[in-house]
Structure formats: structure tokens, C-alpha cells
C-alpha atoms as a PDB file:
ATOM      1  CA  MET A   1       0.000   0.000   0.000  1.00  0.00           C
ATOM      2  CA  GLN A   2       1.134   3.501  -0.814  1.00  0.00           C
ATOM      3  CA  ASP A   3       0.697   6.056   2.009  1.00  0.00           C
ATOM      4  CA  LEU A   4      -0.458   9.465   0.727  1.00  0.00           C
ATOM      5  CA  GLY A   5      -0.885  11.108   4.132  1.00  0.00           C
ATOM      6  CA  ASN A   6      -3.708  13.390   5.232  1.00  0.00           C
ATOM      7  CA  GLN A   7      -5.734  14.695   2.294  1.00  0.00           C
ATOM      8  CA  LEU A   8      -9.048  16.194   1.296  1.00  0.00           C
ATOM      9  CA  ALA A   9     -10.403  13.793  -1.317  1.00  0.00           C
ATOM     10  CA  LEU A  10     -12.854  15.291  -3.803  1.00  0.00           C
ATOM     11  CA  VAL A  11     -14.802  12.472  -5.386  1.00  0.00           C
ATOM     12  CA  ASP A  12     -17.251  12.643  -8.270  1.00  0.00           C
ATOM     13  CA  ASN A  13     -20.943  13.204  -7.520  1.00  0.00           C
ATOM     14  CA  GLY A  14     -20.025  15.885  -4.976  1.00  0.00           C
ATOM     15  CA  PHE A  15     -18.629  13.743  -2.186  1.00  0.00           C
ATOM     16  CA  VAL A  16     -15.753  15.184  -0.150  1.00  0.00           C
ATOM     17  CA  TYR A  17     -13.824  13.190   2.439  1.00  0.00           C
ATOM     18  CA  VAL A  18     -10.939  14.152   4.665  1.00  0.00           C
ATOM     19  CA  GLY A  19      -8.678  11.564   6.219  1.00  0.00           C
ATOM     20  CA  HIS A  20      -5.504   9.561   5.961  1.00  0.00           C
ATOM     21  CA  ILE A  21      -5.259   8.185   2.414  1.00  0.00           C
ATOM     22  CA  LEU A  22      -3.740   4.888   1.334  1.00  0.00           C
ATOM     23  CA  ARG A  23      -3.533   3.582  -2.243  1.00  0.00           C
ATOM     24  CA  ASP A  24      -4.371  -0.115  -2.483  1.00  0.00           C
ATOM     25  CA  GLY A  25      -4.411  -1.288  -6.098  1.00  0.00           C
ATOM     26  CA  ASP A  26      -7.406   0.211  -7.894  1.00  0.00           C
ATOM     27  CA  TYR A  27      -8.717   1.922  -4.748  1.00  0.00           C
ATOM     28  CA  TYR A  28      -7.896   4.779  -2.437  1.00  0.00           C
ATOM     29  CA  VAL A  29      -8.734   3.985   1.176  1.00  0.00           C
ATOM     30  CA  VAL A  30      -9.797   6.886   3.397  1.00  0.00           C
ATOM     31  CA  THR A  31      -8.969   5.946   6.999  1.00  0.00           C
ATOM     32  CA  LYS A  32      -9.553   7.868  10.229  1.00  0.00           C
ATOM     33  CA  GLY A  33     -11.806  10.048   8.124  1.00  0.00           C
ATOM     34  CA  PHE A  34     -14.829  12.250   7.890  1.00  0.00           C
ATOM     35  CA  ASN A  35     -17.356  13.173   5.254  1.00  0.00           C
ATOM     36  CA  VAL A  36     -17.252  16.939   4.769  1.00  0.00           C
ATOM     37  CA  ARG A  37     -20.959  17.744   4.867  1.00  0.00           C
ATOM     38  CA  LYS A  38     -20.363  21.506   4.991  1.00  0.00           C
ATOM     39  CA  ALA A  39     -17.001  23.161   4.313  1.00  0.00           C
ATOM     40  CA  GLY A  40     -17.920  26.404   6.091  1.00  0.00           C
ATOM     41  CA  THR A  41     -15.254  28.363   4.223  1.00  0.00           C
ATOM     42  CA  THR A  42     -15.184  31.723   2.478  1.00  0.00           C
ATOM     43  CA  LYS A  43     -12.228  30.749   0.254  1.00  0.00           C
ATOM     44  CA  GLY A  44     -13.010  27.173  -0.811  1.00  0.00           C
ATOM     45  CA  PHE A  45     -11.477  23.814  -0.045  1.00  0.00           C
ATOM     46  CA  GLY A  46      -7.935  25.197  -0.116  1.00  0.00           C
ATOM     47  CA  GLN A  47      -8.773  27.261   2.958  1.00  0.00           C
ATOM     48  CA  LEU A  48     -10.142  24.166   4.674  1.00  0.00           C
ATOM     49  CA  ALA A  49      -6.992  22.167   3.848  1.00  0.00           C
ATOM     50  CA  ILE A  50      -4.691  24.915   5.144  1.00  0.00           C
ATOM     51  CA  GLU A  51      -6.582  26.103   8.227  1.00  0.00           C
ATOM     52  CA  GLY A  52      -8.236  22.871   9.359  1.00  0.00           C
ATOM     53  CA  PRO A  53     -11.896  22.645  10.365  1.00  0.00           C
ATOM     54  CA  LEU A  54     -13.513  26.029  10.846  1.00  0.00           C
ATOM     55  CA  LYS A  55     -16.377  27.144  13.093  1.00  0.00           C
ATOM     56  CA  GLU A  56     -18.930  26.514  10.309  1.00  0.00           C
ATOM     57  CA  THR A  57     -17.379  23.227   9.099  1.00  0.00           C
ATOM     58  CA  ALA A  58     -19.585  20.145   9.522  1.00  0.00           C
ATOM     59  CA  LEU A  59     -17.740  16.805   9.625  1.00  0.00           C
ATOM     60  CA  ASP A  60     -19.438  13.426   9.922  1.00  0.00           C
ATOM     61  CA  PRO A  61     -17.278  10.467  11.019  1.00  0.00           C
ATOM     62  CA  VAL A  62     -17.136   7.556   8.577  1.00  0.00           C
ATOM     63  CA  PRO A  63     -15.637   4.077   8.704  1.00  0.00           C
ATOM     64  CA  ASN A  64     -12.953   3.299   6.127  1.00  0.00           C
ATOM     65  CA  VAL A  65     -14.115   4.472   2.687  1.00  0.00           C
ATOM     66  CA  LEU A  66     -12.988   2.791  -0.548  1.00  0.00           C
ATOM     67  CA  VAL A  67     -12.840   5.176  -3.510  1.00  0.00           C
ATOM     68  CA  PRO A  68     -12.197   3.645  -6.942  1.00  0.00           C
ATOM     69  CA  VAL A  69      -9.194   5.380  -8.515  1.00  0.00           C
ATOM     70  CA  ASN A  70     -11.244   6.443 -11.551  1.00  0.00           C
ATOM     71  CA  ARG A  71     -13.866   8.170  -9.342  1.00  0.00           C
ATOM     72  CA  LEU A  72     -11.422  10.553  -7.660  1.00  0.00           C
ATOM     73  CA  CYS A  73     -11.405  14.129  -8.968  1.00  0.00           C
ATOM     74  CA  HIS A  74      -8.404  15.315  -6.946  1.00  0.00           C
ATOM     75  CA  PHE A  75      -6.645  15.489  -3.590  1.00  0.00           C
ATOM     76  CA  ILE A  76      -5.703  18.575  -1.604  1.00  0.00           C
ATOM     77  CA  GLU A  77      -2.959  17.970   0.943  1.00  0.00           C
ATOM     78  CA  CYS A  78      -3.949  18.859   4.504  1.00  0.00           C
ATOM     79  CA  SER A  79      -1.795  21.090   6.698  1.00  0.00           C
ATOM     80  CA  GLU A  80      -0.744  20.528  10.307  1.00  0.00           C
ATOM     81  CA  PRO A  81      -4.054  21.597  11.953  1.00  0.00           C
ATOM     82  CA  TRP A  82      -5.642  18.401  10.594  1.00  0.00           C
ATOM     83  CA  ALA A  83      -3.113  16.148  12.381  1.00  0.00           C
ATOM     84  CA  LYS A  84      -4.966  16.655  15.691  1.00  0.00           C
ATOM     85  CA  VAL A  85      -8.351  15.886  14.100  1.00  0.00           C
ATOM     86  CA  LEU A  86      -7.281  12.833  12.065  1.00  0.00           C
ATOM     87  CA  LYS A  87      -5.529  10.837  14.781  1.00  0.00           C
END
């Protein structure tokens, strides 16, 4: 498995997950993660990745999520504030 670290994963059909990402064959595995129900940002997902969860951010815990490689739109690497949340 390839370890991609903490990432925001933007998946097709509007799903957004944040968590520790592993690549396992044809799948990305989101571990220790959350579904981002509401970003709560004024500057988009980049702000969320840099600053961590904000006052208006709504995160719902999820078990491990398998995302087929061809369904991923893109990753945004998470900064240090997420390390405390994604432990």
C-alpha cells in the first residue's frame, strides 16, 4: 500500500472526504476520516486544507471508505491543523 498522508479527497458526484489516504491497487482507502458535509469556508477547499476545520465546518465520522481510482477528482494535501483531528 502507498501512504499518501492526510488529504481532502474530492470524489465525483459531490462527495468530499478528509482523512488519511492509502492507495491499495485500484482503490484509495480513506482511513480515520470524515465526510465533509459543509465546508464552512469563504475561500473554498484550499482554505479548509490549510486552516483545518472552521467554526462553520460540519464533519461526519465515517468508517474506512474505498474510492475507486477512476472516481477521484483530486486530492488537496492537509496542513498541520488536521493532524490533531485525524488521529
